Amino acid sequence: MSDANITDYLDKLQLLLEEHEARRTSTLDKLELVIAEDLLHDLQLHMLQLEIQNKALLQAQAELRSKEAHLRLSQIGGGIGTWEADLINNKQIWSENCIALLGFSAIEEPTFEDFLALILPEDRQIVIDATQSHIEQSTKYEVEYRVNHANGEVRWMRSSGQVERNNHGEPILMRGIAQDITERKHSQSMLENTRIALEESSSRYLDLYEFAPVGYLSINNQGLIMEVNWKVTAMFGLKRNELLQERFAKFVENDDKDRWRRQFTIMKELAGGEELSFDMKFSHENGSIFHANLNCLRMDDGEDQS
């Protein structure tokens, strides 16, 4: 019954009540009045329920519109679009943001072929293989690829999704998201280039350190040798592993050991970057004695090395 019919019916009942108000003496009149009042009450209650349901529906619609707006904003802000693929009819539904991310100004009834046409040829098979593997073997669908954007740029995209199957286990639908990860890829590329440059720089430094014409060594605050270059091994006539973790004082000539302890105490009290220079006698592995000038530099690198 429509709202207009209900209102018309209520008006008629109201007239009926007024007519019977003057004739309340007979049993029949009283019965008719009771019936009319009951009907009026039921209809009023029904209209109240309709009004409540209508308000609830309007509120639900408003909340849905608000959620959809928030979702669109979050997708735009995060560079994310949603897509849905009908695997039976080869039809796809792309969100507005997904269409924009892929470089379309607008497109009606997009297909998987439309999507593949955007992908760089060298990445196209990667996407095809990932899609087939997910549908046929239920592997995780998560793939990164490059697309030719309408603005002329090559953009990096990442897609992930999940297939849905019917009661017979047959794939019928696939839903997922597409995300623009170009900035992340650029950052990764910059970090990788920086890492390579640092490794090359470190390699050049190690070459300069290792093959320098003078001896370089590092000792910690306990006086243990932590690192040496080849020149130091030649000066002492020992292999690298025979020097590392040994006390430097072990190789100082006996006559200079006390002076070494005093100088080492002074070295440990130096400020970072401050230098100290002095001469000292050392013992070679073959028993000979040689003189060397030590130029010491305090370096605070977190390992208490000098």
C-alpha atoms as a PDB file:
ATOM      1  CA  MET A   1       0.000   0.000   0.000  1.00  0.00           C
ATOM      2  CA  SER A   2       1.440   3.387  -0.980  1.00  0.00           C
ATOM      3  CA  ASP A   3       1.751   6.332   1.418  1.00  0.00           C
ATOM      4  CA  ALA A   4      -1.034   8.192  -0.498  1.00  0.00           C
ATOM      5  CA  ASN A   5      -3.427   5.257  -0.164  1.00  0.00           C
ATOM      6  CA  ILE A   6      -2.630   4.933   3.527  1.00  0.00           C
ATOM      7  CA  THR A   7      -3.319   8.629   4.103  1.00  0.00           C
ATOM      8  CA  ASP A   8      -6.619   8.436   2.198  1.00  0.00           C
ATOM      9  CA  TYR A   9      -7.643   5.390   4.168  1.00  0.00           C
ATOM     10  CA  LEU A  10      -6.809   7.102   7.451  1.00  0.00           C
ATOM     11  CA  ASP A  11      -8.943  10.099   6.501  1.00  0.00           C
ATOM     12  CA  LYS A  12     -11.905   7.830   5.801  1.00  0.00           C
ATOM     13  CA  LEU A  13     -11.437   6.028   9.089  1.00  0.00           C
ATOM     14  CA  GLN A  14     -11.296   9.341  10.903  1.00  0.00           C
ATOM     15  CA  LEU A  15     -14.663  10.312   9.377  1.00  0.00           C
ATOM     16  CA  LEU A  16     -16.043   6.930  10.365  1.00  0.00           C
ATOM     17  CA  LEU A  17     -14.951   7.488  13.947  1.00  0.00           C
ATOM     18  CA  GLU A  18     -16.603  10.893  14.039  1.00  0.00           C
ATOM     19  CA  GLU A  19     -19.883   9.452  12.712  1.00  0.00           C
ATOM     20  CA  HIS A  20     -19.861   6.718  15.301  1.00  0.00           C
ATOM     21  CA  GLU A  21     -18.989   9.074  18.116  1.00  0.00           C
ATOM     22  CA  ALA A  22     -22.614  10.243  18.191  1.00  0.00           C
ATOM     23  CA  ARG A  23     -23.967   6.685  18.073  1.00  0.00           C
ATOM     24  CA  ARG A  24     -22.191   4.878  20.868  1.00  0.00           C
ATOM     25  CA  THR A  25     -25.398   3.371  22.389  1.00  0.00           C
ATOM     26  CA  SER A  26     -25.862   0.246  20.294  1.00  0.00           C
ATOM     27  CA  THR A  27     -23.640  -2.824  20.614  1.00  0.00           C
ATOM     28  CA  LEU A  28     -23.072  -2.868  16.858  1.00  0.00           C
ATOM     29  CA  ASP A  29     -21.913   0.737  16.860  1.00  0.00           C
ATOM     30  CA  LYS A  30     -19.524   0.026  19.696  1.00  0.00           C
ATOM     31  CA  LEU A  31     -18.156  -3.003  17.865  1.00  0.00           C
ATOM     32  CA  GLU A  32     -17.629  -1.020  14.673  1.00  0.00           C
ATOM     33  CA  LEU A  33     -15.935   1.729  16.656  1.00  0.00           C
ATOM     34  CA  VAL A  34     -13.571  -0.711  18.324  1.00  0.00           C
ATOM     35  CA  ILE A  35     -12.695  -2.277  14.969  1.00  0.00           C
ATOM     36  CA  ALA A  36     -12.111   1.138  13.414  1.00  0.00           C
ATOM     37  CA  GLU A  37      -9.937   2.259  16.307  1.00  0.00           C
ATOM     38  CA  ASP A  38      -7.874  -0.955  16.096  1.00  0.00           C
ATOM     39  CA  LEU A  39      -7.383  -0.502  12.355  1.00  0.00           C
ATOM     40  CA  LEU A  40      -6.373   3.110  12.839  1.00  0.00           C
ATOM     41  CA  HIS A  41      -3.867   2.139  15.526  1.00  0.00           C
ATOM     42  CA  ASP A  42      -2.375  -0.610  13.346  1.00  0.00           C
ATOM     43  CA  LEU A  43      -2.026   1.732  10.395  1.00  0.00           C
ATOM     44  CA  GLN A  44      -0.448   4.445  12.510  1.00  0.00           C
ATOM     45  CA  LEU A  45       2.016   1.892  13.880  1.00  0.00           C
ATOM     46  CA  HIS A  46       2.776   0.679  10.347  1.00  0.00           C
ATOM     47  CA  MET A  47       3.418   4.232   9.169  1.00  0.00           C
ATOM     48  CA  LEU A  48       5.748   4.822  12.115  1.00  0.00           C
ATOM     49  CA  GLN A  49       7.693   1.683  11.231  1.00  0.00           C
ATOM     50  CA  LEU A  50       7.934   2.812   7.606  1.00  0.00           C
ATOM     51  CA  GLU A  51       9.241   6.190   8.723  1.00  0.00           C
ATOM     52  CA  ILE A  52      11.881   4.565  10.943  1.00  0.00           C
ATOM     53  CA  GLN A  53      12.953   2.216   8.148  1.00  0.00           C
ATOM     54  CA  ASN A  54      13.133   5.102   5.694  1.00  0.00           C
ATOM     55  CA  LYS A  55      15.364   7.115   8.054  1.00  0.00           C
ATOM     56  CA  ALA A  56      17.620   4.090   8.589  1.00  0.00           C
ATOM     57  CA  LEU A  57      17.867   3.576   4.817  1.00  0.00           C
ATOM     58  CA  LEU A  58      18.767   7.225   4.225  1.00  0.00           C
ATOM     59  CA  GLN A  59      21.398   7.071   6.967  1.00  0.00           C
ATOM     60  CA  ALA A  60      22.888   3.868   5.526  1.00  0.00           C
ATOM     61  CA  GLN A  61      23.028   5.441   2.056  1.00  0.00           C
ATOM     62  CA  ALA A  62      24.780   8.524   3.463  1.00  0.00           C
ATOM     63  CA  GLU A  63      27.314   6.353   5.308  1.00  0.00           C
ATOM     64  CA  LEU A  64      27.934   4.328   2.145  1.00  0.00           C
ATOM     65  CA  ARG A  65      28.552   7.490   0.102  1.00  0.00           C
ATOM     66  CA  SER A  66      30.927   8.741   2.799  1.00  0.00           C
ATOM     67  CA  LYS A  67      32.864   5.460   2.839  1.00  0.00           C
ATOM     68  CA  GLU A  68      33.088   5.455  -0.952  1.00  0.00           C
ATOM     69  CA  ALA A  69      34.429   9.021  -0.890  1.00  0.00           C
ATOM     70  CA  HIS A  70      37.013   8.118   1.759  1.00  0.00           C
ATOM     71  CA  LEU A  71      38.026   5.048  -0.264  1.00  0.00           C
ATOM     72  CA  ARG A  72      38.510   7.142  -3.411  1.00  0.00           C
ATOM     73  CA  LEU A  73      40.609   9.657  -1.481  1.00  0.00           C
ATOM     74  CA  SER A  74      42.743   6.919   0.084  1.00  0.00           C
ATOM     75  CA  GLN A  75      43.266   5.305  -3.314  1.00  0.00           C
ATOM     76  CA  ILE A  76      44.271   8.611  -4.887  1.00  0.00           C
ATOM     77  CA  GLY A  77      46.565   9.508  -1.994  1.00  0.00           C
ATOM     78  CA  GLY A  78      48.186   6.084  -1.979  1.00  0.00           C
ATOM     79  CA  GLY A  79      48.404   5.746  -5.752  1.00  0.00           C
ATOM     80  CA  ILE A  80      46.136   2.692  -5.630  1.00  0.00           C
ATOM     81  CA  GLY A  81      43.324   1.590  -7.911  1.00  0.00           C
ATOM     82  CA  THR A  82      41.030  -1.438  -7.783  1.00  0.00           C
ATOM     83  CA  TRP A  83      40.097  -3.813 -10.585  1.00  0.00           C
ATOM     84  CA  GLU A  84      37.822  -6.773 -11.178  1.00  0.00           C
ATOM     85  CA  ALA A  85      38.141  -9.331 -13.985  1.00  0.00           C
ATOM     86  CA  ASP A  86      35.248 -11.459 -15.256  1.00  0.00           C
ATOM     87  CA  LEU A  87      37.139 -14.573 -16.385  1.00  0.00           C
ATOM     88  CA  ILE A  88      34.093 -16.077 -18.104  1.00  0.00           C
ATOM     89  CA  ASN A  89      33.144 -13.145 -20.345  1.00  0.00           C
ATOM     90  CA  ASN A  90      36.589 -11.479 -20.549  1.00  0.00           C
ATOM     91  CA  LYS A  91      35.271  -8.231 -19.116  1.00  0.00           C
ATOM     92  CA  GLN A  92      36.958  -6.022 -16.574  1.00  0.00           C
ATOM     93  CA  ILE A  93      35.881  -3.264 -14.222  1.00  0.00           C
ATOM     94  CA  TRP A  94      38.498  -0.682 -13.253  1.00  0.00           C
ATOM     95  CA  SER A  95      38.073   2.017 -10.630  1.00  0.00           C
ATOM     96  CA  GLU A  96      38.487   5.625 -11.748  1.00  0.00           C
ATOM     97  CA  ASN A  97      41.862   5.818 -10.045  1.00  0.00           C
ATOM     98  CA  CYS A  98      42.980   2.561 -11.648  1.00  0.00           C
ATOM     99  CA  ILE A  99      42.103   3.976 -15.078  1.00  0.00           C
ATOM    100  CA  ALA A 100      44.095   7.141 -14.330  1.00  0.00           C
ATOM    101  CA  LEU A 101      47.081   5.196 -12.973  1.00  0.00           C
ATOM    102  CA  LEU A 102      47.254   3.080 -16.121  1.00  0.00           C
ATOM    103  CA  GLY A 103      47.246   6.206 -18.268  1.00  0.00           C
ATOM    104  CA  PHE A 104      43.721   6.194 -19.708  1.00  0.00           C
ATOM    105  CA  SER A 105      41.665   9.376 -19.720  1.00  0.00           C
ATOM    106  CA  ALA A 106      38.565   7.169 -19.920  1.00  0.00           C
ATOM    107  CA  ILE A 107      37.723   3.682 -21.157  1.00  0.00           C
ATOM    108  CA  GLU A 108      34.495   1.707 -21.402  1.00  0.00           C
ATOM    109  CA  GLU A 109      34.396  -2.054 -20.905  1.00  0.00           C
ATOM    110  CA  PRO A 110      38.166  -2.607 -20.691  1.00  0.00           C
ATOM    111  CA  THR A 111      39.600  -6.058 -21.379  1.00  0.00           C
ATOM    112  CA  PHE A 112      42.708  -7.957 -20.352  1.00  0.00           C
ATOM    113  CA  GLU A 113      44.113  -7.233 -23.821  1.00  0.00           C
ATOM    114  CA  ASP A 114      43.733  -3.484 -23.196  1.00  0.00           C
ATOM    115  CA  PHE A 115      45.731  -3.933 -20.010  1.00  0.00           C
ATOM    116  CA  LEU A 116      48.470  -5.979 -21.692  1.00  0.00           C
ATOM    117  CA  ALA A 117      48.815  -3.416 -24.495  1.00  0.00           C
ATOM    118  CA  LEU A 118      49.994  -0.821 -21.948  1.00  0.00           C
ATOM    119  CA  ILE A 119      52.760  -3.010 -20.536  1.00  0.00           C
ATOM    120  CA  LEU A 120      56.286  -2.800 -21.909  1.00  0.00           C
ATOM    121  CA  PRO A 121      56.964  -5.802 -24.197  1.00  0.00           C
ATOM    122  CA  GLU A 122      59.810  -7.059 -22.002  1.00  0.00           C
ATOM    123  CA  ASP A 123      57.487  -7.157 -18.952  1.00  0.00           C
ATOM    124  CA  ARG A 124      54.347  -8.455 -20.666  1.00  0.00           C
ATOM    125  CA  GLN A 125      55.131 -12.168 -20.399  1.00  0.00           C
ATOM    126  CA  ILE A 126      55.960 -11.763 -16.702  1.00  0.00           C
ATOM    127  CA  VAL A 127      52.413 -10.533 -16.059  1.00  0.00           C
ATOM    128  CA  ILE A 128      50.848 -13.252 -18.233  1.00  0.00           C
ATOM    129  CA  ASP A 129      52.823 -16.000 -16.479  1.00  0.00           C
ATOM    130  CA  ALA A 130      51.971 -14.642 -13.016  1.00  0.00           C
ATOM    131  CA  THR A 131      48.264 -14.487 -13.889  1.00  0.00           C
ATOM    132  CA  GLN A 132      48.140 -17.995 -15.354  1.00  0.00           C
ATOM    133  CA  SER A 133      50.124 -19.456 -12.472  1.00  0.00           C
ATOM    134  CA  HIS A 134      47.754 -17.898  -9.935  1.00  0.00           C
ATOM    135  CA  ILE A 135      44.616 -19.102 -11.733  1.00  0.00           C
ATOM    136  CA  GLU A 136      45.886 -22.596 -12.556  1.00  0.00           C
ATOM    137  CA  GLN A 137      48.123 -23.350  -9.560  1.00  0.00           C
ATOM    138  CA  SER A 138      46.824 -20.923  -6.896  1.00  0.00           C
ATOM    139  CA  THR A 139      50.247 -19.312  -6.487  1.00  0.00           C
ATOM    140  CA  LYS A 140      50.383 -15.850  -4.951  1.00  0.00           C
ATOM    141  CA  TYR A 141      49.490 -13.150  -7.465  1.00  0.00           C
ATOM    142  CA  GLU A 142      51.843 -10.242  -6.932  1.00  0.00           C
ATOM    143  CA  VAL A 143      53.708  -8.829  -9.909  1.00  0.00           C
ATOM    144  CA  GLU A 144      55.673  -5.680 -10.763  1.00  0.00           C
ATOM    145  CA  TYR A 145      55.816  -4.313 -14.292  1.00  0.00           C
ATOM    146  CA  ARG A 146      56.239  -1.138 -16.336  1.00  0.00           C
ATOM    147  CA  VAL A 147      53.584   0.630 -18.390  1.00  0.00           C
ATOM    148  CA  ASN A 148      53.693   3.318 -21.057  1.00  0.00           C
ATOM    149  CA  HIS A 149      51.676   6.117 -19.472  1.00  0.00           C
ATOM    150  CA  ALA A 150      49.622   8.523 -21.578  1.00  0.00           C
ATOM    151  CA  ASN A 151      51.880  11.409 -20.461  1.00  0.00           C
ATOM    152  CA  GLY A 152      54.838   9.716 -22.154  1.00  0.00           C
ATOM    153  CA  GLU A 153      56.449   8.457 -18.959  1.00  0.00           C
ATOM    154  CA  VAL A 154      57.308   4.870 -18.183  1.00  0.00           C
ATOM    155  CA  ARG A 155      55.700   4.109 -14.816  1.00  0.00           C
ATOM    156  CA  TRP A 156      56.312   1.180 -12.497  1.00  0.00           C
ATOM    157  CA  MET A 157      53.179  -0.636 -11.316  1.00  0.00           C
ATOM    158  CA  ARG A 158      52.526  -3.387  -8.810  1.00  0.00           C
ATOM    159  CA  SER A 159      49.420  -5.582  -9.026  1.00  0.00           C
ATOM    160  CA  SER A 160      48.124  -8.127  -6.548  1.00  0.00           C
ATOM    161  CA  GLY A 161      44.858 -10.025  -6.472  1.00  0.00           C
ATOM    162  CA  GLN A 162      42.882 -13.148  -5.673  1.00  0.00           C
ATOM    163  CA  VAL A 163      40.892 -15.493  -7.899  1.00  0.00           C
ATOM    164  CA  GLU A 164      37.357 -16.599  -6.976  1.00  0.00           C
ATOM    165  CA  ARG A 165      35.957 -19.998  -7.977  1.00  0.00           C
ATOM    166  CA  ASN A 166      32.505 -21.551  -8.311  1.00  0.00           C
ATOM    167  CA  ASN A 167      31.279 -24.651  -6.489  1.00  0.00           C
ATOM    168  CA  HIS A 168      33.127 -26.829  -9.007  1.00  0.00           C
ATOM    169  CA  GLY A 169      36.444 -25.102  -8.352  1.00  0.00           C
ATOM    170  CA  GLU A 170      36.416 -23.337 -11.706  1.00  0.00           C
ATOM    171  CA  PRO A 171      37.844 -19.785 -11.812  1.00  0.00           C
ATOM    172  CA  ILE A 172      35.126 -17.239 -12.525  1.00  0.00           C
ATOM    173  CA  LEU A 173      36.344 -13.933 -11.134  1.00  0.00           C
ATOM    174  CA  MET A 174      39.514 -12.179 -10.073  1.00  0.00           C
ATOM    175  CA  ARG A 175      39.762  -9.053  -7.926  1.00  0.00           C
ATOM    176  CA  GLY A 176      42.765  -6.998  -6.925  1.00  0.00           C
ATOM    177  CA  ILE A 177      44.579  -3.691  -6.710  1.00  0.00           C
ATOM    178  CA  ALA A 178      47.052  -1.822  -8.902  1.00  0.00           C
ATOM    179  CA  GLN A 179      49.553   0.533  -7.293  1.00  0.00           C
ATOM    180  CA  ASP A 180      51.977   3.052  -8.769  1.00  0.00           C
ATOM    181  CA  ILE A 181      55.408   2.257  -7.265  1.00  0.00           C
ATOM    182  CA  THR A 182      57.499   4.464  -9.554  1.00  0.00           C
ATOM    183  CA  GLU A 183      58.877   6.624  -6.745  1.00  0.00           C
ATOM    184  CA  ARG A 184      59.764   3.570  -4.685  1.00  0.00           C
ATOM    185  CA  LYS A 185      61.573   2.038  -7.659  1.00  0.00           C
ATOM    186  CA  HIS A 186      63.483   5.260  -8.252  1.00  0.00           C
ATOM    187  CA  SER A 187      64.500   5.345  -4.586  1.00  0.00           C
ATOM    188  CA  GLN A 188      65.626   1.718  -4.740  1.00  0.00           C
ATOM    189  CA  SER A 189      67.637   2.468  -7.867  1.00  0.00           C
ATOM    190  CA  MET A 190      69.320   5.443  -6.189  1.00  0.00           C
ATOM    191  CA  LEU A 191      70.142   3.338  -3.127  1.00  0.00           C
ATOM    192  CA  GLU A 192      71.579   0.585  -5.307  1.00  0.00           C
ATOM    193  CA  ASN A 193      73.699   3.073  -7.256  1.00  0.00           C
ATOM    194  CA  THR A 194      74.916   4.554  -3.974  1.00  0.00           C
ATOM    195  CA  ARG A 195      75.763   1.087  -2.648  1.00  0.00           C
ATOM    196  CA  ILE A 196      77.746   0.258  -5.786  1.00  0.00           C
ATOM    197  CA  ALA A 197      79.578   3.593  -5.615  1.00  0.00           C
ATOM    198  CA  LEU A 198      80.427   3.003  -1.955  1.00  0.00           C
ATOM    199  CA  GLU A 199      81.678  -0.498  -2.695  1.00  0.00           C
ATOM    200  CA  GLU A 200      83.845   0.806  -5.521  1.00  0.00           C
ATOM    201  CA  SER A 201      85.135   3.611  -3.301  1.00  0.00           C
ATOM    202  CA  SER A 202      85.781   1.154  -0.484  1.00  0.00           C
ATOM    203  CA  SER A 203      87.589  -1.148  -2.891  1.00  0.00           C
ATOM    204  CA  ARG A 204      89.806   1.705  -4.078  1.00  0.00           C
ATOM    205  CA  TYR A 205      90.494   2.686  -0.473  1.00  0.00           C
ATOM    206  CA  LEU A 206      91.384  -0.887   0.454  1.00  0.00           C
ATOM    207  CA  ASP A 207      93.748  -1.082  -2.499  1.00  0.00           C
ATOM    208  CA  LEU A 208      95.433   2.162  -1.431  1.00  0.00           C
ATOM    209  CA  TYR A 209      95.603   0.923   2.166  1.00  0.00           C
ATOM    210  CA  GLU A 210      96.744  -2.588   1.371  1.00  0.00           C
ATOM    211  CA  PHE A 211      99.420  -1.728  -1.181  1.00  0.00           C
ATOM    212  CA  ALA A 212     100.681   1.537   0.305  1.00  0.00           C
ATOM    213  CA  PRO A 213     104.502   1.917   0.380  1.00  0.00           C
ATOM    214  CA  VAL A 214     104.344   2.565   4.143  1.00  0.00           C
ATOM    215  CA  GLY A 215     103.041   0.359   6.921  1.00  0.00           C
ATOM    216  CA  TYR A 216      99.537   0.905   8.285  1.00  0.00           C
ATOM    217  CA  LEU A 217      98.132  -0.826  11.334  1.00  0.00           C
ATOM    218  CA  SER A 218      95.300  -0.322  13.810  1.00  0.00           C
ATOM    219  CA  ILE A 219      95.351  -1.217  17.487  1.00  0.00           C
ATOM    220  CA  ASN A 220      92.540  -0.974  20.023  1.00  0.00           C
ATOM    221  CA  ASN A 221      92.596   0.518  23.521  1.00  0.00           C
ATOM    222  CA  GLN A 222      93.811  -2.796  24.925  1.00  0.00           C
ATOM    223  CA  GLY A 223      96.870  -2.627  22.694  1.00  0.00           C
ATOM    224  CA  LEU A 224      95.767  -5.487  20.416  1.00  0.00           C
ATOM    225  CA  ILE A 225      96.528  -5.319  16.696  1.00  0.00           C
ATOM    226  CA  MET A 226      93.240  -5.183  14.767  1.00  0.00           C
ATOM    227  CA  GLU A 227      94.370  -4.618  11.172  1.00  0.00           C
ATOM    228  CA  VAL A 228      97.612  -4.412   9.162  1.00  0.00           C
ATOM    229  CA  ASN A 229      98.560  -3.911   5.530  1.00  0.00           C
ATOM    230  CA  TRP A 230     101.092  -5.949   3.570  1.00  0.00           C
ATOM    231  CA  LYS A 231     103.934  -3.493   4.318  1.00  0.00           C
ATOM    232  CA  VAL A 232     103.635  -4.157   8.071  1.00  0.00           C
ATOM    233  CA  THR A 233     103.779  -7.917   7.511  1.00  0.00           C
ATOM    234  CA  ALA A 234     106.945  -7.412   5.458  1.00  0.00           C
ATOM    235  CA  MET A 235     108.517  -5.175   8.115  1.00  0.00           C
ATOM    236  CA  PHE A 236     108.005  -7.788  10.849  1.00  0.00           C
ATOM    237  CA  GLY A 237     108.545 -10.835   8.620  1.00  0.00           C
ATOM    238  CA  LEU A 238     105.210 -12.343   9.698  1.00  0.00           C
ATOM    239  CA  LYS A 239     101.930 -13.300   8.073  1.00  0.00           C
ATOM    240  CA  ARG A 240      98.808 -11.252   8.690  1.00  0.00           C
ATOM    241  CA  ASN A 241      97.186 -13.877  10.921  1.00  0.00           C
ATOM    242  CA  GLU A 242     100.372 -14.008  13.015  1.00  0.00           C
ATOM    243  CA  LEU A 243      99.994 -10.309  13.829  1.00  0.00           C
ATOM    244  CA  LEU A 244      96.251  -9.875  14.291  1.00  0.00           C
ATOM    245  CA  GLN A 245      94.940  -9.997  17.877  1.00  0.00           C
ATOM    246  CA  GLU A 246      98.505  -9.941  19.220  1.00  0.00           C
ATOM    247  CA  ARG A 247      99.683  -7.233  21.614  1.00  0.00           C
ATOM    248  CA  PHE A 248     101.661  -4.595  19.759  1.00  0.00           C
ATOM    249  CA  ALA A 249     104.089  -4.433  22.690  1.00  0.00           C
ATOM    250  CA  LYS A 250     105.140  -8.006  21.879  1.00  0.00           C
ATOM    251  CA  PHE A 251     107.010  -6.748  18.794  1.00  0.00           C
ATOM    252  CA  VAL A 252     108.651  -3.739  20.489  1.00  0.00           C
ATOM    253  CA  GLU A 253     112.364  -4.171  21.273  1.00  0.00           C
ATOM    254  CA  ASN A 254     112.908  -4.877  24.986  1.00  0.00           C
ATOM    255  CA  ASP A 255     114.827  -1.629  25.523  1.00  0.00           C
ATOM    256  CA  ASP A 256     111.799   0.377  24.316  1.00  0.00           C
ATOM    257  CA  LYS A 257     108.942  -1.514  26.005  1.00  0.00           C
ATOM    258  CA  ASP A 258     108.683   0.899  28.979  1.00  0.00           C
ATOM    259  CA  ARG A 259     108.756   3.889  26.659  1.00  0.00           C
ATOM    260  CA  TRP A 260     106.081   2.242  24.508  1.00  0.00           C
ATOM    261  CA  ARG A 261     103.803   1.828  27.540  1.00  0.00           C
ATOM    262  CA  ARG A 262     104.197   5.522  28.377  1.00  0.00           C
ATOM    263  CA  GLN A 263     103.574   6.583  24.804  1.00  0.00           C
ATOM    264  CA  PHE A 264     100.572   4.257  24.536  1.00  0.00           C
ATOM    265  CA  THR A 265      99.059   5.831  27.667  1.00  0.00           C
ATOM    266  CA  ILE A 266      99.485   9.259  26.075  1.00  0.00           C
ATOM    267  CA  MET A 267      97.931   7.978  22.835  1.00  0.00           C
ATOM    268  CA  LYS A 268      94.797   6.794  24.636  1.00  0.00           C
ATOM    269  CA  GLU A 269      94.354  10.254  26.162  1.00  0.00           C
ATOM    270  CA  LEU A 270      94.537  12.032  22.814  1.00  0.00           C
ATOM    271  CA  ALA A 271      91.432  13.721  21.498  1.00  0.00           C
ATOM    272  CA  GLY A 272      89.846  12.262  18.375  1.00  0.00           C
ATOM    273  CA  GLY A 273      91.884  13.282  15.327  1.00  0.00           C
ATOM    274  CA  GLU A 274      94.881  14.404  17.415  1.00  0.00           C
ATOM    275  CA  GLU A 275      98.283  13.053  16.311  1.00  0.00           C
ATOM    276  CA  LEU A 276     101.416  11.836  18.092  1.00  0.00           C
ATOM    277  CA  SER A 277     104.789  11.011  16.484  1.00  0.00           C
ATOM    278  CA  PHE A 278     107.831   9.204  17.925  1.00  0.00           C
ATOM    279  CA  ASP A 279     110.624   6.750  17.003  1.00  0.00           C
ATOM    280  CA  MET A 280     110.861   3.204  18.323  1.00  0.00           C
ATOM    281  CA  LYS A 281     112.848  -0.011  17.847  1.00  0.00           C
ATOM    282  CA  PHE A 282     111.166  -3.278  16.831  1.00  0.00           C
ATOM    283  CA  SER A 283     112.142  -6.926  16.516  1.00  0.00           C
ATOM    284  CA  HIS A 284     111.980  -8.725  13.181  1.00  0.00           C
ATOM    285  CA  GLU A 285     110.984 -12.392  13.021  1.00  0.00           C
ATOM    286  CA  ASN A 286     114.578 -13.266  12.022  1.00  0.00           C
ATOM    287  CA  GLY A 287     115.915 -11.656  15.226  1.00  0.00           C
ATOM    288  CA  SER A 288     117.165  -8.426  13.688  1.00  0.00           C
ATOM    289  CA  ILE A 289     116.306  -4.995  15.083  1.00  0.00           C
ATOM    290  CA  PHE A 290     114.913  -2.162  12.984  1.00  0.00           C
ATOM    291  CA  HIS A 291     113.928   1.423  13.693  1.00  0.00           C
ATOM    292  CA  ALA A 292     110.588   2.918  12.665  1.00  0.00           C
ATOM    293  CA  ASN A 293     108.904   6.261  13.058  1.00  0.00           C
ATOM    294  CA  LEU A 294     105.339   5.954  14.357  1.00  0.00           C
ATOM    295  CA  ASN A 295     102.790   8.581  13.344  1.00  0.00           C
ATOM    296  CA  CYS A 296      99.787   7.840  15.565  1.00  0.00           C
ATOM    297  CA  LEU A 297      96.272   9.165  15.075  1.00  0.00           C
ATOM    298  CA  ARG A 298      93.453   8.621  17.571  1.00  0.00           C
ATOM    299  CA  MET A 299      90.280   7.453  15.816  1.00  0.00           C
ATOM    300  CA  ASP A 300      87.039   6.993  17.750  1.00  0.00           C
ATOM    301  CA  ASP A 301      85.113   4.627  15.462  1.00  0.00           C
ATOM    302  CA  GLY A 302      83.058   2.761  18.042  1.00  0.00           C
ATOM    303  CA  GLU A 303      85.669   0.024  18.500  1.00  0.00           C
ATOM    304  CA  ASP A 304      88.151   1.990  20.644  1.00  0.00           C
ATOM    305  CA  GLN A 305      90.781   1.771  17.943  1.00  0.00           C
ATOM    306  CA  SER A 306      93.857   4.033  17.793  1.00  0.00           C
END
